[in-house]
Amino acid sequence: MTESESGGDSMMAAVLDVLPHGRPGDDRPQHQKEPLAYALDVEEFYIYELQLDDKDVDIAFGDRVDLTEFGRVTEVEFEDIPSGARSELDYAVEEIVEANEQRFVDFYNDAQPITLRLHQLNLLPGIGKKLRNTLLDERKRKPFESFEDLEERVSGLHSPKETLVERILEELQDDDLKYRLFVRREEQSS
């Protein structure tokens, strides 16, 4: 867990869960528990625990918040978030991908080889060598403009948005993945 400093540019996140009475497993008396929220960063897909105060009582799951406006913001692992936040994670990721369609369509347009035998596109669920080659051929002709354009031009790629959502969720939940496309980790930062 790392703690981030407040200040600088805004960091938008989608609220996954709000715990006005603190963590369920916290045995301290109610007046000693701090209200918390869990949020997913919309750029790097970090999961954060936010310490709430009186001015934050209006936030609810699904809201977009600026992480720099909270006193304590701590990065947490998937295993450390409560079940309510886990159940909202799928919806939050899907909403982020939908709201930033061009960013994620550009992934299909810009994906590159990782090694001589492995391409970034091959890391997406359901994309093997044949489908990857079809995607590469189609994007050479003309860059993809939307998820709908991808589906129309690449037979066999039935749900490009859901494919990305599935990969992002896999990266959030599995700490042992060798390659990451969307969810950044401390050790990846250079």
N, C-alpha and C. Protein backbone atom coordinates (compact mmCIF):
# COMPACT_ATOMS: atom_id res chain seq x y z
N MET A 1 0.84 -1.19 0.00
CA MET A 1 0.00 0.00 0.00
C MET A 1 0.87 1.24 0.00
N THR A 2 0.53 2.16 -0.85
CA THR A 2 1.25 3.43 -0.85
C THR A 2 0.25 4.55 -0.61
N GLU A 3 0.72 5.59 0.03
CA GLU A 3 -0.15 6.74 0.25
C GLU A 3 0.22 7.82 -0.74
N SER A 4 -0.77 8.46 -1.33
CA SER A 4 -0.48 9.52 -2.29
C SER A 4 -0.59 10.87 -1.60
N GLU A 5 0.17 11.80 -2.10
CA GLU A 5 0.14 13.16 -1.59
C GLU A 5 -1.02 13.90 -2.23
N SER A 6 -1.66 14.77 -1.50
CA SER A 6 -2.71 15.60 -2.08
C SER A 6 -2.05 16.75 -2.82
N GLY A 7 -2.71 17.24 -3.84
CA GLY A 7 -2.19 18.38 -4.58
C GLY A 7 -1.93 18.03 -6.02
N GLY A 8 -1.49 19.03 -6.78
CA GLY A 8 -1.17 18.79 -8.18
C GLY A 8 -2.42 18.71 -9.03
N ASP A 9 -2.33 17.97 -10.11
CA ASP A 9 -3.45 17.82 -11.03
C ASP A 9 -4.55 16.98 -10.42
N SER A 10 -5.75 17.12 -10.99
CA SER A 10 -6.85 16.31 -10.49
C SER A 10 -6.68 14.86 -10.94
N MET A 11 -7.16 13.96 -10.14
CA MET A 11 -7.14 12.53 -10.44
C MET A 11 -8.55 12.03 -10.26
N MET A 12 -9.23 11.78 -11.38
CA MET A 12 -10.62 11.36 -11.31
C MET A 12 -10.72 9.86 -11.04
N ALA A 13 -11.74 9.52 -10.24
CA ALA A 13 -11.98 8.12 -9.90
C ALA A 13 -13.47 7.88 -9.79
N ALA A 14 -13.86 6.63 -10.04
CA ALA A 14 -15.26 6.21 -9.91
C ALA A 14 -15.41 5.55 -8.54
N VAL A 15 -16.39 6.01 -7.77
CA VAL A 15 -16.62 5.46 -6.44
C VAL A 15 -17.24 4.07 -6.57
N LEU A 16 -16.63 3.09 -5.89
CA LEU A 16 -17.09 1.71 -5.92
C LEU A 16 -17.98 1.38 -4.73
N ASP A 17 -17.67 1.96 -3.57
CA ASP A 17 -18.42 1.65 -2.37
C ASP A 17 -18.16 2.72 -1.33
N VAL A 18 -19.14 2.97 -0.48
CA VAL A 18 -19.02 3.93 0.62
C VAL A 18 -19.37 3.19 1.90
N LEU A 19 -18.49 3.29 2.87
CA LEU A 19 -18.70 2.65 4.17
C LEU A 19 -18.76 3.75 5.24
N PRO A 20 -19.95 4.31 5.49
CA PRO A 20 -20.07 5.43 6.42
C PRO A 20 -19.69 5.07 7.86
N HIS A 21 -19.72 3.76 8.18
CA HIS A 21 -19.39 3.32 9.54
C HIS A 21 -18.08 2.55 9.58
N GLY A 22 -17.21 2.77 8.59
CA GLY A 22 -15.91 2.12 8.57
C GLY A 22 -15.97 0.67 8.10
N ARG A 23 -14.82 0.01 8.20
CA ARG A 23 -14.72 -1.40 7.77
C ARG A 23 -15.58 -2.30 8.64
N PRO A 24 -16.24 -3.28 8.03
CA PRO A 24 -17.10 -4.19 8.80
C PRO A 24 -16.33 -4.98 9.86
N GLY A 25 -15.10 -5.34 9.62
CA GLY A 25 -14.34 -6.15 10.56
C GLY A 25 -13.65 -5.34 11.66
N ASP A 26 -13.83 -4.03 11.65
CA ASP A 26 -13.20 -3.16 12.65
C ASP A 26 -13.98 -3.28 13.96
N ASP A 27 -13.31 -3.76 15.01
CA ASP A 27 -13.97 -4.00 16.30
C ASP A 27 -13.98 -2.79 17.23
N ARG A 28 -13.43 -1.68 16.78
CA ARG A 28 -13.42 -0.50 17.64
C ARG A 28 -14.83 0.04 17.83
N PRO A 29 -15.05 0.84 18.88
CA PRO A 29 -16.36 1.47 19.07
C PRO A 29 -16.69 2.37 17.87
N GLN A 30 -17.99 2.53 17.60
CA GLN A 30 -18.44 3.28 16.42
C GLN A 30 -17.81 4.66 16.31
N HIS A 31 -17.68 5.39 17.42
CA HIS A 31 -17.16 6.75 17.36
C HIS A 31 -15.68 6.80 16.98
N GLN A 32 -14.99 5.67 17.04
CA GLN A 32 -13.58 5.64 16.68
C GLN A 32 -13.36 5.20 15.22
N LYS A 33 -14.39 4.68 14.59
CA LYS A 33 -14.26 4.22 13.21
C LYS A 33 -14.35 5.41 12.26
N GLU A 34 -13.52 5.37 11.24
CA GLU A 34 -13.56 6.45 10.25
C GLU A 34 -14.35 6.01 9.03
N PRO A 35 -15.20 6.91 8.51
CA PRO A 35 -15.94 6.57 7.28
C PRO A 35 -14.97 6.45 6.10
N LEU A 36 -15.22 5.48 5.24
CA LEU A 36 -14.33 5.19 4.12
C LEU A 36 -15.11 5.07 2.82
N ALA A 37 -14.39 5.22 1.74
CA ALA A 37 -14.95 4.92 0.42
C ALA A 37 -13.85 4.23 -0.38
N TYR A 38 -14.26 3.48 -1.39
CA TYR A 38 -13.32 2.83 -2.30
C TYR A 38 -13.61 3.35 -3.69
N ALA A 39 -12.53 3.66 -4.44
CA ALA A 39 -12.70 4.26 -5.76
C ALA A 39 -11.67 3.69 -6.73
N LEU A 40 -12.04 3.71 -8.01
CA LEU A 40 -11.19 3.20 -9.09
C LEU A 40 -10.74 4.37 -9.96
N ASP A 41 -9.43 4.57 -10.04
CA ASP A 41 -8.85 5.63 -10.86
C ASP A 41 -9.20 5.38 -12.33
N VAL A 42 -9.68 6.40 -13.03
CA VAL A 42 -10.14 6.21 -14.40
C VAL A 42 -9.01 6.15 -15.43
N GLU A 43 -7.81 6.58 -15.07
CA GLU A 43 -6.70 6.54 -16.02
C GLU A 43 -5.86 5.28 -15.90
N GLU A 44 -5.39 5.00 -14.70
CA GLU A 44 -4.46 3.89 -14.49
C GLU A 44 -5.10 2.68 -13.81
N PHE A 45 -6.37 2.79 -13.44
CA PHE A 45 -7.11 1.70 -12.81
C PHE A 45 -6.52 1.25 -11.47
N TYR A 46 -5.94 2.18 -10.74
CA TYR A 46 -5.55 1.89 -9.36
C TYR A 46 -6.84 1.84 -8.53
N ILE A 47 -6.84 1.04 -7.48
CA ILE A 47 -7.96 1.03 -6.54
C ILE A 47 -7.50 1.76 -5.29
N TYR A 48 -8.31 2.71 -4.83
CA TYR A 48 -7.94 3.52 -3.68
C TYR A 48 -8.97 3.41 -2.56
N GLU A 49 -8.46 3.53 -1.34
CA GLU A 49 -9.30 3.68 -0.16
C GLU A 49 -9.22 5.15 0.23
N LEU A 50 -10.38 5.77 0.41
CA LEU A 50 -10.45 7.20 0.73
C LEU A 50 -10.97 7.38 2.15
N GLN A 51 -10.30 8.21 2.91
CA GLN A 51 -10.82 8.55 4.23
C GLN A 51 -11.78 9.72 4.04
N LEU A 52 -13.01 9.57 4.52
CA LEU A 52 -14.04 10.58 4.34
C LEU A 52 -14.15 11.46 5.58
N ASP A 53 -14.61 12.69 5.35
CA ASP A 53 -14.95 13.55 6.48
C ASP A 53 -16.35 14.12 6.25
N ASP A 54 -16.79 15.03 7.08
CA ASP A 54 -18.17 15.52 7.04
C ASP A 54 -18.59 16.08 5.68
N LYS A 55 -17.67 16.72 4.96
CA LYS A 55 -18.03 17.32 3.66
C LYS A 55 -18.23 16.26 2.57
N ASP A 56 -17.79 15.04 2.82
CA ASP A 56 -17.87 13.97 1.82
C ASP A 56 -19.09 13.08 1.97
N VAL A 57 -20.00 13.41 2.87
CA VAL A 57 -21.13 12.52 3.16
C VAL A 57 -22.07 12.31 1.97
N ASP A 58 -22.02 13.18 1.00
CA ASP A 58 -22.94 13.08 -0.14
C ASP A 58 -22.47 12.10 -1.23
N ILE A 59 -21.26 11.60 -1.15
CA ILE A 59 -20.80 10.73 -2.25
C ILE A 59 -21.46 9.36 -2.16
N ALA A 60 -21.66 8.76 -3.33
CA ALA A 60 -22.29 7.45 -3.41
C ALA A 60 -21.62 6.65 -4.52
N PHE A 61 -21.82 5.34 -4.52
CA PHE A 61 -21.17 4.56 -5.56
C PHE A 61 -21.66 5.02 -6.92
N GLY A 62 -20.74 4.95 -7.88
CA GLY A 62 -21.03 5.43 -9.22
C GLY A 62 -20.61 6.87 -9.45
N ASP A 63 -20.46 7.65 -8.37
CA ASP A 63 -20.05 9.05 -8.51
C ASP A 63 -18.62 9.13 -9.02
N ARG A 64 -18.32 10.24 -9.69
CA ARG A 64 -16.94 10.54 -10.07
C ARG A 64 -16.42 11.55 -9.05
N VAL A 65 -15.23 11.30 -8.52
CA VAL A 65 -14.65 12.19 -7.54
C VAL A 65 -13.21 12.52 -7.93
N ASP A 66 -12.74 13.66 -7.44
CA ASP A 66 -11.35 14.05 -7.63
C ASP A 66 -10.58 13.59 -6.40
N LEU A 67 -9.67 12.66 -6.58
CA LEU A 67 -8.93 12.08 -5.45
C LEU A 67 -8.09 13.11 -4.70
N THR A 68 -7.70 14.18 -5.36
CA THR A 68 -6.87 15.19 -4.70
C THR A 68 -7.65 15.97 -3.65
N GLU A 69 -8.97 15.81 -3.60
CA GLU A 69 -9.79 16.54 -2.64
C GLU A 69 -9.99 15.78 -1.32
N PHE A 70 -9.34 14.63 -1.18
CA PHE A 70 -9.50 13.83 0.03
C PHE A 70 -8.22 13.90 0.86
N GLY A 71 -8.40 13.87 2.18
CA GLY A 71 -7.26 13.96 3.08
C GLY A 71 -6.31 12.79 2.95
N ARG A 72 -6.82 11.58 3.09
CA ARG A 72 -5.97 10.40 2.99
C ARG A 72 -6.49 9.52 1.87
N VAL A 73 -5.60 9.23 0.94
CA VAL A 73 -5.91 8.37 -0.19
C VAL A 73 -4.84 7.29 -0.23
N THR A 74 -5.24 6.04 -0.07
CA THR A 74 -4.29 4.94 0.00
C THR A 74 -4.60 3.93 -1.10
N GLU A 75 -3.57 3.56 -1.86
CA GLU A 75 -3.76 2.52 -2.88
C GLU A 75 -3.91 1.18 -2.18
N VAL A 76 -4.90 0.39 -2.61
CA VAL A 76 -5.13 -0.94 -2.03
C VAL A 76 -5.20 -1.98 -3.14
N GLU A 77 -4.96 -3.20 -2.77
CA GLU A 77 -5.04 -4.33 -3.71
C GLU A 77 -6.48 -4.81 -3.81
N PHE A 78 -6.79 -5.53 -4.87
CA PHE A 78 -8.13 -6.08 -5.08
C PHE A 78 -8.58 -6.92 -3.89
N GLU A 79 -7.68 -7.72 -3.34
CA GLU A 79 -8.03 -8.60 -2.22
C GLU A 79 -8.46 -7.82 -0.98
N ASP A 80 -8.04 -6.55 -0.88
CA ASP A 80 -8.30 -5.75 0.33
C ASP A 80 -9.59 -4.94 0.27
N ILE A 81 -10.32 -5.02 -0.85
CA ILE A 81 -11.55 -4.22 -0.93
C ILE A 81 -12.75 -5.04 -0.46
N PRO A 82 -13.74 -4.38 0.13
CA PRO A 82 -14.92 -5.11 0.61
C PRO A 82 -15.77 -5.66 -0.55
N SER A 83 -16.64 -6.59 -0.22
CA SER A 83 -17.45 -7.27 -1.24
C SER A 83 -18.32 -6.30 -2.03
N GLY A 84 -18.83 -5.24 -1.40
CA GLY A 84 -19.64 -4.26 -2.12
C GLY A 84 -18.86 -3.59 -3.23
N ALA A 85 -17.61 -3.23 -2.95
CA ALA A 85 -16.76 -2.61 -3.97
C ALA A 85 -16.42 -3.61 -5.07
N ARG A 86 -16.19 -4.86 -4.69
CA ARG A 86 -15.89 -5.90 -5.69
C ARG A 86 -17.05 -6.08 -6.66
N SER A 87 -18.27 -6.06 -6.13
CA SER A 87 -19.43 -6.28 -7.00
C SER A 87 -19.67 -5.10 -7.94
N GLU A 88 -19.22 -3.91 -7.56
CA GLU A 88 -19.39 -2.73 -8.43
C GLU A 88 -18.25 -2.56 -9.42
N LEU A 89 -17.15 -3.28 -9.22
CA LEU A 89 -15.96 -3.11 -10.06
C LEU A 89 -16.25 -3.35 -11.53
N ASP A 90 -17.00 -4.43 -11.85
CA ASP A 90 -17.32 -4.73 -13.25
C ASP A 90 -18.04 -3.56 -13.92
N TYR A 91 -19.03 -3.02 -13.21
CA TYR A 91 -19.82 -1.91 -13.76
C TYR A 91 -18.97 -0.66 -13.93
N ALA A 92 -18.10 -0.39 -12.96
CA ALA A 92 -17.26 0.80 -13.03
C ALA A 92 -16.29 0.72 -14.20
N VAL A 93 -15.67 -0.45 -14.39
CA VAL A 93 -14.73 -0.61 -15.51
C VAL A 93 -15.46 -0.47 -16.84
N GLU A 94 -16.63 -1.09 -16.95
CA GLU A 94 -17.40 -0.99 -18.19
C GLU A 94 -17.78 0.47 -18.47
N GLU A 95 -18.20 1.20 -17.45
CA GLU A 95 -18.57 2.59 -17.62
C GLU A 95 -17.37 3.44 -18.05
N ILE A 96 -16.20 3.18 -17.48
CA ILE A 96 -14.98 3.92 -17.85
C ILE A 96 -14.62 3.65 -19.31
N VAL A 97 -14.70 2.39 -19.72
CA VAL A 97 -14.38 2.04 -21.11
C VAL A 97 -15.38 2.70 -22.07
N GLU A 98 -16.67 2.67 -21.72
CA GLU A 98 -17.69 3.32 -22.56
C GLU A 98 -17.47 4.82 -22.65
N ALA A 99 -17.19 5.45 -21.52
CA ALA A 99 -17.04 6.91 -21.47
C ALA A 99 -15.78 7.38 -22.19
N ASN A 100 -14.82 6.50 -22.35
CA ASN A 100 -13.55 6.84 -23.01
C ASN A 100 -13.34 5.97 -24.24
N GLU A 101 -14.40 5.81 -25.02
CA GLU A 101 -14.36 4.88 -26.15
C GLU A 101 -13.17 5.11 -27.07
N GLN A 102 -12.88 6.37 -27.42
CA GLN A 102 -11.79 6.63 -28.35
C GLN A 102 -10.45 6.17 -27.79
N ARG A 103 -10.23 6.39 -26.52
CA ARG A 103 -8.99 5.93 -25.87
C ARG A 103 -8.81 4.41 -26.03
N PHE A 104 -9.89 3.67 -25.85
CA PHE A 104 -9.80 2.22 -25.91
C PHE A 104 -9.85 1.68 -27.34
N VAL A 105 -10.53 2.37 -28.24
CA VAL A 105 -10.47 2.01 -29.66
C VAL A 105 -9.04 2.23 -30.16
N ASP A 106 -8.41 3.31 -29.67
CA ASP A 106 -7.02 3.59 -30.06
C ASP A 106 -6.07 2.48 -29.59
N PHE A 107 -6.44 1.78 -28.52
CA PHE A 107 -5.61 0.64 -28.13
C PHE A 107 -5.56 -0.37 -29.28
N TYR A 108 -6.71 -0.67 -29.87
CA TYR A 108 -6.74 -1.59 -31.01
C TYR A 108 -5.94 -1.02 -32.19
N ASN A 109 -5.97 0.30 -32.36
CA ASN A 109 -5.24 0.93 -33.46
C ASN A 109 -3.73 0.97 -33.22
N ASP A 110 -3.31 1.07 -31.95
CA ASP A 110 -1.91 1.32 -31.63
C ASP A 110 -1.17 0.15 -31.00
N ALA A 111 -1.85 -0.94 -30.69
CA ALA A 111 -1.20 -2.07 -30.01
C ALA A 111 0.01 -2.54 -30.81
N GLN A 112 1.06 -2.91 -30.08
CA GLN A 112 2.34 -3.26 -30.69
C GLN A 112 2.80 -4.65 -30.23
N PRO A 113 3.79 -5.21 -30.94
CA PRO A 113 4.37 -6.47 -30.49
C PRO A 113 5.07 -6.29 -29.14
N ILE A 114 5.02 -7.33 -28.31
CA ILE A 114 5.73 -7.33 -27.03
C ILE A 114 7.06 -8.04 -27.22
N THR A 115 7.00 -9.19 -27.88
CA THR A 115 8.20 -9.96 -28.24
C THR A 115 8.02 -10.38 -29.69
N LEU A 116 8.97 -11.13 -30.21
CA LEU A 116 8.84 -11.62 -31.58
C LEU A 116 7.63 -12.53 -31.75
N ARG A 117 7.25 -13.23 -30.70
CA ARG A 117 6.15 -14.19 -30.79
C ARG A 117 4.85 -13.73 -30.15
N LEU A 118 4.89 -12.62 -29.41
CA LEU A 118 3.71 -12.19 -28.66
C LEU A 118 3.37 -10.73 -28.95
N HIS A 119 2.11 -10.49 -29.24
CA HIS A 119 1.60 -9.14 -29.54
C HIS A 119 0.67 -8.72 -28.41
N GLN A 120 0.57 -7.41 -28.16
CA GLN A 120 -0.35 -6.92 -27.13
C GLN A 120 -1.78 -7.40 -27.38
N LEU A 121 -2.20 -7.48 -28.62
CA LEU A 121 -3.55 -7.92 -28.94
C LEU A 121 -3.80 -9.36 -28.48
N ASN A 122 -2.74 -10.19 -28.47
CA ASN A 122 -2.90 -11.58 -28.03
C ASN A 122 -3.19 -11.69 -26.54
N LEU A 123 -2.96 -10.63 -25.77
CA LEU A 123 -3.24 -10.66 -24.34
C LEU A 123 -4.73 -10.46 -24.06
N LEU A 124 -5.48 -10.03 -25.05
CA LEU A 124 -6.92 -9.85 -24.88
C LEU A 124 -7.62 -11.21 -24.97
N PRO A 125 -8.61 -11.44 -24.10
CA PRO A 125 -9.33 -12.73 -24.11
C PRO A 125 -9.97 -13.01 -25.48
N GLY A 126 -9.75 -14.22 -25.96
CA GLY A 126 -10.39 -14.63 -27.20
C GLY A 126 -9.67 -14.22 -28.47
N ILE A 127 -8.54 -13.52 -28.35
CA ILE A 127 -7.82 -13.10 -29.56
C ILE A 127 -6.58 -13.96 -29.74
N GLY A 128 -6.66 -14.81 -30.75
CA GLY A 128 -5.53 -15.66 -31.11
C GLY A 128 -4.80 -15.09 -32.31
N LYS A 129 -3.96 -15.92 -32.89
CA LYS A 129 -3.12 -15.49 -34.01
C LYS A 129 -3.95 -15.03 -35.22
N LYS A 130 -4.97 -15.80 -35.58
CA LYS A 130 -5.77 -15.49 -36.77
C LYS A 130 -6.53 -14.16 -36.59
N LEU A 131 -7.20 -14.01 -35.45
CA LEU A 131 -7.97 -12.78 -35.20
C LEU A 131 -7.03 -11.57 -35.08
N ARG A 132 -5.88 -11.79 -34.46
CA ARG A 132 -4.88 -10.71 -34.35
C ARG A 132 -4.46 -10.25 -35.74
N ASN A 133 -4.16 -11.19 -36.62
CA ASN A 133 -3.72 -10.84 -37.98
C ASN A 133 -4.82 -10.10 -38.74
N THR A 134 -6.06 -10.51 -38.55
CA THR A 134 -7.19 -9.81 -39.19
C THR A 134 -7.27 -8.38 -38.67
N LEU A 135 -7.15 -8.20 -37.35
CA LEU A 135 -7.16 -6.85 -36.76
C LEU A 135 -6.03 -5.99 -37.34
N LEU A 136 -4.83 -6.55 -37.42
CA LEU A 136 -3.68 -5.80 -37.93
C LEU A 136 -3.88 -5.41 -39.39
N ASP A 137 -4.41 -6.33 -40.19
CA ASP A 137 -4.66 -6.03 -41.61
C ASP A 137 -5.70 -4.93 -41.76
N GLU A 138 -6.78 -5.02 -40.99
CA GLU A 138 -7.85 -4.01 -41.08
C GLU A 138 -7.38 -2.63 -40.63
N ARG A 139 -6.58 -2.56 -39.60
CA ARG A 139 -6.14 -1.24 -39.12
C ARG A 139 -5.12 -0.62 -40.06
N LYS A 140 -4.42 -1.45 -40.87
CA LYS A 140 -3.51 -0.90 -41.89
C LYS A 140 -4.31 -0.18 -42.97
N ARG A 141 -5.47 -0.74 -43.31
CA ARG A 141 -6.32 -0.13 -44.34
C ARG A 141 -6.85 1.22 -43.87
N LYS A 142 -7.32 1.25 -42.61
CA LYS A 142 -7.90 2.48 -42.06
C LYS A 142 -8.04 2.28 -40.55
N PRO A 143 -7.63 3.28 -39.76
CA PRO A 143 -7.78 3.14 -38.30
C PRO A 143 -9.24 2.94 -37.91
N PHE A 144 -9.44 2.17 -36.84
CA PHE A 144 -10.79 1.94 -36.33
C PHE A 144 -11.29 3.23 -35.68
N GLU A 145 -12.59 3.50 -35.84
CA GLU A 145 -13.16 4.74 -35.33
C GLU A 145 -14.03 4.54 -34.10
N SER A 146 -14.55 3.32 -33.90
CA SER A 146 -15.43 3.06 -32.77
C SER A 146 -15.48 1.55 -32.53
N PHE A 147 -16.09 1.18 -31.41
CA PHE A 147 -16.28 -0.26 -31.14
C PHE A 147 -17.16 -0.87 -32.22
N GLU A 148 -18.16 -0.13 -32.66
CA GLU A 148 -19.06 -0.61 -33.70
C GLU A 148 -18.29 -0.86 -35.00
N ASP A 149 -17.40 0.07 -35.35
CA ASP A 149 -16.56 -0.07 -36.53
C ASP A 149 -15.69 -1.33 -36.43
N LEU A 150 -15.13 -1.57 -35.25
CA LEU A 150 -14.32 -2.77 -35.02
C LEU A 150 -15.14 -4.04 -35.27
N GLU A 151 -16.34 -4.08 -34.71
CA GLU A 151 -17.20 -5.27 -34.86
C GLU A 151 -17.57 -5.50 -36.32
N GLU A 152 -17.85 -4.42 -37.04
CA GLU A 152 -18.27 -4.55 -38.45
C GLU A 152 -17.13 -5.01 -39.34
N ARG A 153 -15.93 -4.51 -39.09
CA ARG A 153 -14.80 -4.78 -39.99
C ARG A 153 -14.02 -6.04 -39.64
N VAL A 154 -14.11 -6.50 -38.41
CA VAL A 154 -13.33 -7.67 -38.00
C VAL A 154 -14.29 -8.79 -37.61
N SER A 155 -14.53 -9.72 -38.56
CA SER A 155 -15.44 -10.82 -38.22
C SER A 155 -14.73 -11.72 -37.20
N GLY A 156 -15.48 -12.14 -36.22
CA GLY A 156 -14.91 -12.95 -35.16
C GLY A 156 -14.67 -12.15 -33.88
N LEU A 157 -14.59 -10.83 -34.00
CA LEU A 157 -14.44 -9.97 -32.82
C LEU A 157 -15.83 -9.43 -32.49
N HIS A 158 -16.56 -10.17 -31.65
CA HIS A 158 -17.97 -9.89 -31.44
C HIS A 158 -18.24 -8.79 -30.43
N SER A 159 -17.37 -8.59 -29.48
CA SER A 159 -17.63 -7.55 -28.47
C SER A 159 -16.30 -6.94 -28.03
N PRO A 160 -15.77 -6.03 -28.82
CA PRO A 160 -14.45 -5.44 -28.51
C PRO A 160 -14.42 -4.70 -27.17
N LYS A 161 -15.54 -4.07 -26.81
CA LYS A 161 -15.59 -3.36 -25.52
C LYS A 161 -15.52 -4.37 -24.37
N GLU A 162 -16.34 -5.41 -24.43
CA GLU A 162 -16.36 -6.41 -23.36
C GLU A 162 -15.03 -7.14 -23.25
N THR A 163 -14.35 -7.33 -24.38
CA THR A 163 -13.03 -7.97 -24.38
C THR A 163 -12.05 -7.14 -23.56
N LEU A 164 -12.09 -5.83 -23.75
CA LEU A 164 -11.20 -4.94 -22.97
C LEU A 164 -11.58 -4.94 -21.49
N VAL A 165 -12.87 -4.88 -21.20
CA VAL A 165 -13.35 -4.89 -19.81
C VAL A 165 -12.86 -6.15 -19.12
N GLU A 166 -13.00 -7.28 -19.80
CA GLU A 166 -12.57 -8.56 -19.23
C GLU A 166 -11.07 -8.55 -18.93
N ARG A 167 -10.26 -8.00 -19.84
CA ARG A 167 -8.81 -7.94 -19.63
C ARG A 167 -8.48 -7.01 -18.45
N ILE A 168 -9.12 -5.86 -18.36
CA ILE A 168 -8.86 -4.93 -17.27
C ILE A 168 -9.20 -5.58 -15.93
N LEU A 169 -10.34 -6.26 -15.86
CA LEU A 169 -10.72 -6.95 -14.62
C LEU A 169 -9.71 -8.04 -14.25
N GLU A 170 -9.23 -8.76 -15.25
CA GLU A 170 -8.21 -9.78 -15.00
C GLU A 170 -6.95 -9.15 -14.43
N GLU A 171 -6.53 -8.01 -14.99
CA GLU A 171 -5.34 -7.33 -14.49
C GLU A 171 -5.54 -6.80 -13.08
N LEU A 172 -6.74 -6.35 -12.77
CA LEU A 172 -7.03 -5.86 -11.41
C LEU A 172 -6.99 -6.99 -10.38
N GLN A 173 -7.45 -8.16 -10.77
CA GLN A 173 -7.62 -9.26 -9.82
C GLN A 173 -6.40 -10.18 -9.71
N ASP A 174 -5.54 -10.21 -10.72
CA ASP A 174 -4.42 -11.14 -10.73
C ASP A 174 -3.09 -10.40 -10.62
N ASP A 175 -2.46 -10.49 -9.45
CA ASP A 175 -1.19 -9.81 -9.23
C ASP A 175 -0.02 -10.45 -9.97
N ASP A 176 -0.19 -11.70 -10.41
CA ASP A 176 0.93 -12.44 -10.98
C ASP A 176 1.01 -12.39 -12.51
N LEU A 177 0.24 -11.52 -13.15
CA LEU A 177 0.31 -11.44 -14.61
C LEU A 177 1.67 -10.89 -15.03
N LYS A 178 2.24 -11.50 -16.05
CA LYS A 178 3.55 -11.05 -16.53
C LYS A 178 3.44 -9.73 -17.29
N TYR A 179 2.40 -9.60 -18.10
CA TYR A 179 2.22 -8.39 -18.92
C TYR A 179 0.93 -7.68 -18.52
N ARG A 180 1.02 -6.37 -18.42
CA ARG A 180 -0.14 -5.55 -18.11
C ARG A 180 -0.31 -4.50 -19.20
N LEU A 181 -1.55 -4.33 -19.64
CA LEU A 181 -1.84 -3.36 -20.68
C LEU A 181 -2.49 -2.10 -20.13
N PHE A 182 -3.31 -2.26 -19.10
CA PHE A 182 -4.15 -1.15 -18.62
C PHE A 182 -3.94 -0.80 -17.16
N VAL A 183 -3.77 -1.80 -16.30
CA VAL A 183 -3.65 -1.57 -14.87
C VAL A 183 -2.17 -1.45 -14.54
N ARG A 184 -1.77 -0.28 -14.14
CA ARG A 184 -0.36 -0.04 -13.82
C ARG A 184 -0.06 -0.47 -12.40
N ARG A 185 1.15 -0.87 -12.19
CA ARG A 185 1.63 -1.24 -10.87
C ARG A 185 2.89 -0.43 -10.57
N GLU A 186 3.18 -0.28 -9.29
CA GLU A 186 4.36 0.49 -8.86
C GLU A 186 5.63 0.01 -9.58
N GLU A 187 5.85 -1.31 -9.63
CA GLU A 187 7.08 -1.83 -10.21
C GLU A 187 7.18 -1.60 -11.71
N GLN A 188 6.04 -1.26 -12.37
CA GLN A 188 6.07 -0.99 -13.81
C GLN A 188 6.49 0.44 -14.10
N SER A 189 6.29 1.33 -13.14
CA SER A 189 6.63 2.73 -13.36
C SER A 189 8.12 2.89 -13.52
N SER A 190 8.50 3.64 -14.54
CA SER A 190 9.92 3.86 -14.76
C SER A 190 10.26 5.31 -14.65
